Amino acid sequence: MASNLTKFDPFSDLSPFDAFGNMDDFFREFSLLPSMRAMRAEPRIRADVAETEQAYTVKAEIPGVKKEDIKIAVEGNRVAINAEVREEKDERTTGMVRSERYYGKHSRSFTLPQEVDESKAEAKYENGLLMLTLPKKAGTGAKQLTVQ
């Protein structure tokens, strides 16, 4: 006769125990703060970097920012993009007024494999998309050393 009994191990569910593993789910579903669920996360600068033999091309998404509020710094092979975000929203419905404001600074920096010729670099911003053309500096490629 086969037995359907298994030995009870009270610690089997605790072996992969992670004390803070589900904290995000806990706060996301926390019923006392329904207004927090509706808040959107602050935007981030998303960037794609492409390379050709002559230059690097950067496409960065920075929606809702005026071009006057974008600062780009190029130093050697390091590129830094800084944007000041100002968003104001005012919604009025019958008996309800809602006004939201968001002010903040976003930045993104990265290091390229080769130095950039800052004097020939170009930046264009249109419809929330920042396009950088960063020509490579001549003669700054990596040098192979022979071990003696």
Protein backbone atom coordinates (compact mmCIF):
# COMPACT_ATOMS: atom_id res chain seq x y z
CA MET A 1 0.00 0.00 0.00
CA ALA A 2 1.45 3.38 -1.08
CA SER A 3 1.58 6.22 1.37
CA ASN A 4 0.56 9.75 0.45
CA LEU A 5 2.22 11.23 3.49
CA THR A 6 5.23 13.53 3.21
CA LYS A 7 7.55 14.67 5.92
CA PHE A 8 6.78 18.22 7.09
CA ASP A 9 9.74 20.62 6.92
CA PRO A 10 8.83 23.99 8.50
CA PHE A 11 11.92 25.68 7.05
CA SER A 12 11.56 24.56 3.42
CA ASP A 13 9.76 27.75 2.38
CA LEU A 14 12.29 29.91 4.21
CA SER A 15 15.44 28.55 2.60
CA PRO A 16 15.49 31.07 -0.27
CA PHE A 17 14.36 33.75 2.16
CA ASP A 18 14.82 37.35 1.01
CA ALA A 19 13.63 39.76 3.69
CA PHE A 20 13.09 42.66 1.29
CA GLY A 21 12.30 40.74 -1.91
CA ASN A 22 8.67 41.76 -2.19
CA MET A 23 8.82 45.27 -0.74
CA ASP A 24 8.07 46.90 -4.10
CA ASP A 25 4.92 44.81 -4.46
CA PHE A 26 3.96 45.64 -0.89
CA PHE A 27 4.14 49.40 -1.41
CA ARG A 28 2.59 49.23 -4.87
CA GLU A 29 -0.49 47.51 -3.46
CA PHE A 30 -0.58 49.32 -0.12
CA SER A 31 -4.24 50.25 0.18
CA LEU A 32 -3.81 53.28 2.46
CA LEU A 33 -1.99 55.25 -0.24
CA PRO A 34 -4.16 55.07 -3.38
CA SER A 35 -2.92 58.46 -4.56
CA MET A 36 0.65 57.17 -4.70
CA ARG A 37 -0.29 54.56 -7.31
CA ALA A 38 -1.41 57.29 -9.72
CA MET A 39 1.88 59.18 -9.51
CA ARG A 40 4.14 58.63 -12.46
CA ALA A 41 7.84 58.17 -12.13
CA GLU A 42 9.99 61.09 -13.09
CA PRO A 43 11.24 60.94 -16.67
CA ARG A 44 14.77 59.86 -17.40
CA ILE A 45 17.06 60.65 -20.29
CA ARG A 46 17.16 57.61 -22.55
CA ALA A 47 20.05 57.54 -24.98
CA ASP A 48 21.29 55.45 -27.91
CA VAL A 49 24.92 55.78 -29.00
CA ALA A 50 26.04 54.66 -32.46
CA GLU A 51 29.57 54.68 -33.87
CA THR A 52 31.04 55.05 -37.34
CA GLU A 53 34.70 55.37 -38.30
CA GLN A 54 34.44 59.17 -38.20
CA ALA A 55 32.02 59.98 -35.39
CA TYR A 56 29.65 58.99 -32.60
CA THR A 57 25.94 59.72 -32.94
CA VAL A 58 23.83 60.11 -29.82
CA LYS A 59 20.03 60.10 -29.85
CA ALA A 60 18.64 61.11 -26.47
CA GLU A 61 14.96 61.31 -25.56
CA ILE A 62 14.25 64.34 -23.38
CA PRO A 63 10.53 65.04 -23.77
CA GLY A 64 8.88 68.16 -22.40
CA VAL A 65 12.08 70.18 -22.13
CA LYS A 66 12.90 73.46 -23.84
CA LYS A 67 16.16 73.51 -25.78
CA GLU A 68 17.32 76.45 -23.65
CA ASP A 69 17.17 74.17 -20.60
CA ILE A 70 19.54 71.54 -22.04
CA LYS A 71 23.27 71.75 -21.32
CA ILE A 72 25.81 69.46 -23.00
CA ALA A 73 29.41 69.17 -21.90
CA VAL A 74 32.05 67.30 -23.88
CA GLU A 75 35.48 66.84 -22.35
CA GLY A 76 37.85 64.44 -24.03
CA ASN A 77 35.87 61.21 -24.33
CA ARG A 78 33.31 62.06 -21.64
CA VAL A 79 29.86 63.41 -22.56
CA ALA A 80 27.39 64.85 -20.05
CA ILE A 81 23.79 65.84 -20.82
CA ASN A 82 21.89 67.92 -18.25
CA ALA A 83 18.28 69.02 -18.59
CA GLU A 84 16.06 71.09 -16.34
CA VAL A 85 12.47 69.86 -16.39
CA ARG A 86 9.57 72.13 -15.52
CA GLU A 87 6.11 70.68 -15.83
CA GLU A 88 2.92 72.32 -14.69
CA LYS A 89 -0.53 70.83 -15.10
CA ASP A 90 -3.80 72.49 -14.12
CA GLU A 91 -7.03 70.50 -14.51
CA ARG A 92 -10.41 71.92 -13.60
CA THR A 93 -13.64 69.94 -13.54
CA THR A 94 -16.99 70.63 -11.92
CA GLY A 95 -16.35 71.12 -8.22
CA MET A 96 -12.73 69.90 -8.41
CA VAL A 97 -9.48 71.72 -8.98
CA ARG A 98 -6.24 69.88 -9.42
CA SER A 99 -2.87 71.47 -9.95
CA GLU A 100 0.40 69.56 -10.19
CA ARG A 101 3.92 70.84 -10.58
CA TYR A 102 7.16 69.05 -11.16
CA TYR A 103 10.57 70.70 -11.19
CA GLY A 104 13.75 68.75 -11.43
CA LYS A 105 17.08 68.20 -13.09
CA HIS A 106 17.99 65.14 -15.04
CA SER A 107 21.44 64.18 -16.16
CA ARG A 108 23.09 61.46 -18.13
CA SER A 109 26.81 61.00 -18.70
CA PHE A 110 28.87 58.37 -20.41
CA THR A 111 32.41 57.71 -21.58
CA LEU A 112 33.16 56.98 -25.23
CA PRO A 113 36.02 54.73 -26.38
CA GLN A 114 37.77 57.60 -28.21
CA GLU A 115 38.14 61.34 -27.61
CA VAL A 116 35.74 63.73 -29.32
CA ASP A 117 36.71 66.77 -31.40
CA GLU A 118 34.71 69.34 -29.42
CA SER A 119 35.20 72.07 -32.03
CA LYS A 120 33.25 70.07 -34.66
CA ALA A 121 30.57 68.62 -32.37
CA GLU A 122 26.94 69.49 -33.17
CA ALA A 123 23.68 69.31 -31.21
CA LYS A 124 20.09 69.56 -32.47
CA TYR A 125 16.88 69.30 -30.45
CA GLU A 126 13.46 68.78 -32.01
CA ASN A 127 10.22 67.23 -30.75
CA GLY A 128 11.79 65.87 -27.56
CA LEU A 129 14.73 64.23 -29.35
CA LEU A 130 18.29 65.47 -28.86
CA MET A 131 20.69 64.51 -31.67
CA LEU A 132 24.42 64.82 -31.05
CA THR A 133 27.06 64.36 -33.72
CA LEU A 134 30.43 63.91 -32.03
CA PRO A 135 33.33 63.60 -34.50
CA LYS A 136 36.27 61.55 -33.30
CA LYS A 137 39.51 63.38 -32.63
CA ALA A 138 42.18 62.38 -35.14
CA GLY A 139 45.16 60.42 -33.88
CA THR A 140 43.78 59.47 -30.49
CA GLY A 141 43.14 55.80 -31.17
CA ALA A 142 44.37 53.16 -28.79
CA LYS A 143 48.01 52.22 -29.17
CA GLN A 144 49.09 48.60 -28.96
CA LEU A 145 52.21 48.03 -26.91
CA THR A 146 54.55 45.12 -27.48
CA VAL A 147 55.56 43.30 -24.34
CA GLN A 148 59.37 42.89 -24.14
